[in-house]
Structures are given as C-alpha cells and as structure tokens.
Protein backbone atom coordinates (compact mmCIF):
# COMPACT_ATOMS: atom_id res chain seq x y z
CA MET A 1 -2.41 -3.13 -32.14
CA ASN A 2 -0.21 -5.13 -33.89
CA ALA A 3 -2.01 -8.68 -34.17
CA GLN A 4 1.52 -10.24 -34.67
CA ARG A 5 2.51 -9.22 -30.21
CA PRO A 6 0.60 -8.69 -27.40
CA PHE A 7 -0.65 -5.10 -26.43
CA ILE A 8 2.05 -3.79 -24.74
CA LEU A 9 0.97 -1.16 -22.00
CA CYS A 10 2.76 1.01 -19.90
CA LEU A 11 2.71 1.52 -15.70
CA THR A 12 3.82 4.80 -14.56
CA GLY A 13 4.02 7.20 -11.69
CA SER A 14 5.71 9.22 -9.49
CA ILE A 15 7.03 7.81 -6.29
CA GLY A 16 5.07 7.00 -3.62
CA MET A 17 1.65 6.48 -5.91
CA GLY A 18 0.96 2.95 -5.30
CA LYS A 19 2.53 1.25 -8.66
CA SER A 20 3.78 -1.64 -7.58
CA ALA A 21 0.41 -2.45 -5.54
CA VAL A 22 -1.03 -2.28 -9.11
CA ALA A 23 1.38 -3.76 -10.80
CA ALA A 24 0.98 -6.82 -8.29
CA MET A 25 -3.05 -6.79 -8.89
CA LEU A 26 -2.19 -7.17 -13.03
CA THR A 27 0.17 -9.85 -12.14
CA GLY A 28 -2.39 -11.51 -10.21
CA LEU A 29 -5.04 -11.20 -12.85
CA GLY A 30 -2.36 -13.43 -15.18
CA VAL A 31 -0.77 -9.76 -16.82
CA PRO A 32 3.06 -10.82 -17.64
CA VAL A 33 4.67 -7.47 -15.49
CA PHE A 34 8.18 -6.11 -16.13
CA ASP A 35 9.60 -4.23 -13.42
CA ALA A 36 12.28 -2.27 -14.72
CA ASP A 37 13.51 -1.17 -11.23
CA ALA A 38 13.63 -5.06 -10.55
CA ALA A 39 15.31 -5.54 -13.71
CA VAL A 40 18.30 -2.89 -12.38
CA HIS A 41 18.24 -4.40 -8.63
CA GLU A 42 19.07 -8.05 -10.56
CA LEU A 43 21.49 -6.22 -12.99
CA GLN A 44 22.93 -4.65 -9.58
CA GLY A 45 22.40 -7.66 -7.24
CA PRO A 46 25.29 -9.97 -5.75
CA GLY A 47 26.90 -11.04 -8.98
CA GLY A 48 25.45 -8.70 -11.39
CA VAL A 49 26.16 -8.23 -14.32
CA LEU A 50 27.14 -4.52 -14.31
CA LEU A 51 28.94 -4.50 -11.26
CA ASP A 52 32.21 -4.08 -12.80
CA ALA A 53 31.37 -1.78 -15.23
CA ILE A 54 29.90 0.41 -11.83
CA GLU A 55 32.50 -0.30 -10.06
CA ALA A 56 35.01 1.22 -12.77
CA GLU A 57 33.33 4.03 -13.01
CA PHE A 58 32.60 4.60 -10.03
CA PRO A 59 34.93 2.93 -7.47
CA GLY A 60 33.99 2.31 -3.72
CA THR A 61 30.47 1.76 -4.97
CA THR A 62 29.91 -2.24 -5.50
CA GLY A 63 30.63 -5.16 -2.96
CA PRO A 64 29.88 -8.74 -2.58
CA GLN A 65 26.08 -7.97 -1.98
CA GLY A 66 25.93 -6.14 -5.06
CA VAL A 67 25.97 -2.24 -5.71
CA ASP A 68 25.90 0.02 -2.58
CA ARG A 69 22.88 2.02 -3.20
CA GLN A 70 24.20 4.86 -0.58
CA LYS A 71 27.19 5.18 -1.88
CA LEU A 72 26.22 5.12 -5.24
CA GLY A 73 23.22 7.26 -4.45
CA ALA A 74 25.75 9.97 -3.10
CA ALA A 75 27.83 9.75 -6.25
CA VAL A 76 25.37 10.38 -8.96
CA PHE A 77 23.03 11.97 -6.93
CA GLY A 78 23.03 16.10 -8.08
CA ASP A 79 25.84 15.17 -10.30
CA ASN A 80 23.95 15.33 -13.86
CA PRO A 81 27.23 13.78 -15.97
CA ALA A 82 28.01 11.52 -13.19
CA LEU A 83 23.88 9.88 -13.39
CA ALA A 84 24.19 10.02 -16.91
CA ARG A 85 27.17 8.10 -16.90
CA LEU A 86 25.63 5.44 -14.91
CA GLU A 87 22.58 5.70 -17.20
CA ALA A 88 24.60 4.66 -19.78
CA ILE A 89 25.60 1.47 -18.32
CA VAL A 90 22.38 0.40 -17.03
CA HIS A 91 19.71 1.64 -19.71
CA PRO A 92 20.84 -0.66 -22.19
CA ALA A 93 21.05 -3.53 -20.31
CA VAL A 94 17.46 -3.30 -18.99
CA GLY A 95 16.52 -2.31 -22.75
CA ALA A 96 18.07 -5.64 -23.61
CA MET A 97 15.69 -7.41 -20.63
CA ARG A 98 12.97 -5.88 -21.75
CA VAL A 99 13.35 -6.68 -25.05
CA GLN A 100 14.05 -10.41 -23.98
CA PHE A 101 10.39 -10.41 -21.28
CA LEU A 102 8.57 -9.35 -25.02
CA LYS A 103 9.90 -12.47 -26.95
CA ASP A 104 9.23 -14.74 -24.19
CA TYR A 105 5.78 -13.64 -23.87
CA ALA A 106 5.14 -12.66 -27.46
CA ASP A 107 1.87 -15.06 -27.48
CA ALA A 108 -0.07 -12.70 -24.17
CA PRO A 109 -2.64 -10.97 -25.68
CA LEU A 110 -1.39 -8.17 -22.84
CA ILE A 111 1.97 -7.15 -21.01
CA VAL A 112 2.87 -4.86 -18.70
CA PHE A 113 5.82 -2.78 -18.78
CA ASP A 114 6.12 -1.37 -15.33
CA ILE A 115 8.67 2.03 -15.90
CA PRO A 116 8.53 4.38 -13.07
CA LEU A 117 10.39 7.05 -15.27
CA LEU A 118 8.66 7.27 -18.31
CA TYR A 119 8.47 10.65 -18.84
CA GLU A 120 11.33 11.16 -17.41
CA LYS A 121 13.54 8.74 -19.49
CA GLY A 122 11.69 8.81 -22.52
CA GLY A 123 10.38 5.56 -24.54
CA ALA A 124 6.39 5.79 -24.88
CA GLN A 125 6.75 5.65 -28.44
CA GLN A 126 7.61 1.97 -28.27
CA LEU A 127 4.01 1.35 -26.37
CA ASP A 128 0.38 1.15 -27.28
CA ALA A 129 -0.89 2.79 -24.08
CA VAL A 130 0.36 4.37 -20.98
CA VAL A 131 -1.62 3.99 -17.23
CA VAL A 132 -0.63 6.42 -14.81
CA VAL A 133 -1.32 5.25 -10.87
CA SER A 134 -1.95 8.45 -9.11
CA ALA A 135 -3.11 10.01 -5.78
CA PRO A 136 -3.83 12.66 -3.86
CA ALA A 137 -0.27 14.71 -2.91
CA ASP A 138 -1.14 14.42 1.06
CA VAL A 139 -1.23 10.21 0.21
CA GLN A 140 1.76 10.37 -1.68
CA ARG A 141 4.10 12.33 0.75
CA ALA A 142 2.62 9.97 3.99
CA ARG A 143 3.42 6.78 2.22
CA VAL A 144 6.89 8.49 0.91
CA LEU A 145 7.66 9.50 4.36
CA ALA A 146 6.99 6.41 5.76
CA ARG A 147 9.78 4.47 4.32
CA PRO A 148 12.50 3.42 6.20
CA GLY A 149 15.61 6.45 5.36
CA MET A 150 13.26 8.59 3.89
CA SER A 151 13.52 12.30 4.76
CA GLU A 152 11.86 15.47 3.32
CA GLU A 153 14.82 16.56 2.02
CA LYS A 154 15.59 13.59 0.18
CA PHE A 155 11.71 12.82 -0.51
CA GLU A 156 11.51 16.78 -2.15
CA ARG A 157 14.50 16.18 -4.32
CA ILE A 158 13.33 12.69 -5.70
CA LEU A 159 9.77 15.06 -6.47
CA ALA A 160 12.05 17.59 -7.77
CA LEU A 161 13.60 15.41 -10.46
CA GLN A 162 10.32 13.59 -11.86
CA VAL A 163 7.82 15.22 -14.18
CA PRO A 164 4.71 16.54 -11.83
CA ASP A 165 1.90 14.04 -11.76
CA ALA A 166 -0.70 16.54 -13.12
CA GLU A 167 1.57 16.25 -16.33
CA LYS A 168 1.96 12.45 -16.19
CA ARG A 169 -2.06 12.62 -15.70
CA GLU A 170 -2.41 14.49 -18.77
CA LYS A 171 -0.45 12.17 -21.18
CA ALA A 172 -1.84 9.47 -19.94
CA ASN A 173 -4.14 6.87 -21.56
CA TYR A 174 -5.55 5.40 -18.03
CA VAL A 175 -5.63 6.92 -14.82
CA ILE A 176 -6.05 4.58 -11.70
CA ASP A 177 -6.74 6.69 -8.45
CA THR A 178 -4.94 4.50 -5.38
CA GLY A 179 -6.00 7.07 -3.35
CA VAL A 180 -9.33 5.38 -2.75
CA PRO A 181 -10.01 1.87 -0.76
CA LEU A 182 -7.90 -0.89 -1.96
CA ALA A 183 -11.30 -2.46 -3.30
CA GLU A 184 -11.78 1.02 -5.85
CA THR A 185 -8.01 0.09 -6.85
CA ARG A 186 -8.76 -3.49 -7.68
CA GLU A 187 -11.92 -2.69 -9.76
CA ALA A 188 -10.05 0.39 -12.00
CA VAL A 189 -7.62 -2.60 -12.46
C-alpha cells in the first residue's frame, strides 16, 4: 500500500448478490464508498451531463426525467456495437467522477470503489484488493426475480453477460457471503 493515498478496495459481485447491502454496511462504518451505479444514475438523471450525448447517439431515449432506461436498454441490449458506443460516452465520465472521489478522500485510510462489472469491464489493476460479494445461486435467483420488472428471461440474459460467480470468487482477495444471516455478513464486513 502506498502511504500517500488510501488503500483502495473494490467491492464487486454479480446481480442479486447483496453488494448494495455490503456497501451500506461499509458506509455505516465510516468508509467512503464510490458507487459506480449511482454515478451513472446521476450522469443520466434529470439535468445529467451525459443526456445530450446519449440523445445524439440514441435519439428518443432521453427526456425531462433523464434517460428512459427501458428505451435506452432496448436500443443497446444485445447490440454489442451500440453498447460499446454507450459505454464510450458513460465510462470516461464515471472514471472522472472516480478520480475526483479519490482526490476528495485522499486522506482516508481506506476507500471502496463499488464497481459491479469490474471483471467484465476491467480496471482491477488500479486497486489494492478486491472483495466479491457472493450468495448461493438459489438465493441470488430469488432476490433478482423479486425485483420489479424482472423476468426469468431478463435474468438469464444478464447472467450470460456477467463473469460467473465462481470465477469472480477465484479472482478475489476476499469473499463476503451474503447467503447467511445478516449478522454473519456484517461480521465478515
């Protein structure tokens, strides 16, 4: 660890694994957490700085409330070139927010980057360690299918795009099990 900057821990995990709950636990312990998904929502929400660029590339996908996630999803899901164009708009902006977050918390001993697609999109080389949040497949499935608007088909498509949980656990420095009682997960955190 470099004494001139915080220890950078990445929090990652597949859909429905409990990453948000673990991030909230870390925040509750006073650890600064950069949430990549929240950054995207800010950038794409009402008045978001990426709206014009997204609308120019994907006409009809934005409005007064920001990005219409269903319309944008329909425009890019299953279309790798379209998804790459969207990522070319979004990823640099999220990266800039992450750099600013690091500057803002330069004196903290530990910071967490909550990056859901770390292994899918890369970026592990800038981190000191990675913690993967994991739960048994049946627990994951039940959590995800309980979400509004989620279907078996959509869940399977998302899973197909993600690095398998077992592979993420193998690559991780730490694994936190969220398929156990909450108190046990909190103790692991």
